[in-house]
Protein backbone atom coordinates (compact mmCIF):
# COMPACT_ATOMS: atom_id res chain seq x y z
CA MET A 1 251.25 -12.08 73.60
CA PRO A 2 249.52 -13.65 70.53
CA PRO A 3 247.70 -11.44 68.02
CA PRO A 4 243.93 -11.47 68.43
CA ASP A 5 242.83 -13.62 65.47
CA ALA A 6 244.95 -16.18 67.24
CA GLN A 7 243.47 -15.73 70.36
CA LEU A 8 240.09 -15.95 68.96
CA LEU A 9 240.99 -19.22 67.03
CA ALA A 10 242.31 -20.81 70.09
CA GLY A 11 239.17 -19.90 71.97
CA GLU A 12 236.90 -21.37 69.21
CA ARG A 13 239.02 -24.63 69.16
CA LEU A 14 238.86 -24.78 73.05
CA ALA A 15 235.18 -24.57 72.64
CA GLN A 16 235.07 -27.30 69.96
CA VAL A 17 237.18 -29.61 72.13
CA ARG A 18 234.80 -28.98 75.08
CA ALA A 19 231.75 -29.69 72.94
CA ALA A 20 233.50 -32.95 71.88
CA VAL A 21 234.14 -33.91 75.67
CA ALA A 22 230.33 -33.18 76.53
CA ARG A 23 229.17 -35.67 73.87
CA LEU A 24 231.19 -38.40 75.68
CA ASP A 25 229.25 -40.72 77.98
CA ALA A 26 229.53 -40.11 81.73
CA PRO A 27 232.23 -42.39 82.47
CA CYS A 28 234.44 -41.37 79.63
CA ARG A 29 233.71 -37.70 80.20
CA GLU A 30 234.59 -38.21 83.89
CA VAL A 31 238.18 -39.90 83.14
CA VAL A 32 239.25 -37.45 80.38
CA GLU A 33 238.10 -34.46 82.48
CA LEU A 34 240.03 -35.88 85.43
CA ARG A 35 243.13 -36.67 83.40
CA TYR A 36 243.38 -33.49 81.27
CA PHE A 37 241.36 -30.75 82.89
CA GLY A 38 242.04 -31.72 86.42
CA ASP A 39 245.61 -32.90 85.53
CA LEU A 40 245.39 -35.96 87.83
CA SER A 41 247.63 -38.69 87.51
CA TYR A 42 246.48 -42.40 86.66
CA GLU A 43 247.05 -43.09 90.19
CA GLU A 44 245.07 -40.18 91.49
CA ILE A 45 242.22 -41.00 89.10
CA SER A 46 242.27 -44.53 90.13
CA ALA A 47 241.84 -43.42 93.92
CA THR A 48 239.11 -40.83 93.01
CA LEU A 49 236.99 -43.37 90.90
CA ARG A 50 237.74 -46.22 93.06
CA LEU A 51 239.11 -48.14 89.92
CA ASN A 52 242.31 -50.24 89.22
CA VAL A 53 245.00 -48.23 87.57
CA LYS A 54 244.91 -50.64 84.64
CA THR A 55 241.15 -50.20 84.41
CA VAL A 56 241.75 -46.38 84.23
CA SER A 57 244.45 -46.59 81.37
CA SER A 58 242.36 -48.87 79.34
CA ARG A 59 239.19 -46.66 79.85
CA LEU A 60 241.18 -43.54 79.17
CA SER A 61 242.59 -44.97 75.89
CA LYS A 62 239.23 -46.17 74.67
CA CYS A 63 237.54 -43.05 75.50
CA LEU A 64 240.19 -40.87 73.88
CA ASP A 65 239.72 -42.97 70.70
CA ARG A 66 235.85 -41.94 70.75
CA LEU A 67 236.77 -38.56 71.64
CA GLU A 68 238.96 -38.16 68.59
CA GLN A 69 236.12 -39.56 66.26
CA LEU A 70 233.64 -36.85 67.87
CA ALA A 71 236.26 -34.17 67.65
CA ARG A 72 236.93 -34.84 64.02
CA GLY A 73 233.22 -34.44 63.15
CA ILE A 74 233.00 -31.13 65.26
CA PHE A 75 236.25 -29.78 63.47
CA ALA A 76 234.62 -30.69 60.10
CA GLY A 77 231.53 -28.87 60.80
CA ASP A 78 229.43 -32.15 61.36
CA THR A 79 227.06 -31.49 64.02
CA ALA A 80 226.36 -35.33 64.61
CA GLY A 81 230.03 -36.20 64.80
CA VAL A 82 229.81 -38.90 62.43
CA PHE A 83 231.91 -39.61 59.58
CA PRO A 84 230.75 -40.22 55.95
CA SER A 85 232.45 -43.69 56.07
CA ASN A 86 230.59 -44.54 59.10
CA ARG A 87 226.89 -43.75 57.64
């Protein structure tokens, strides 16, 4: 079992990741949640959302790029999720 401080840190990071996911637009949030929280394959996401598998792959890639931007801002303490270079 990890020490209490490690458990607390892991919980805080999970909350930050969830906050970043919540900032995604609905189509992005949906595909990210299905893939990483629902643990669905691309084929299962394709069937669920009635999209082509290649569309799922492309959307997920773009959405993960956006999620990375948002997460970096949140982890850095920037509540707007914007990098100084983008202002």
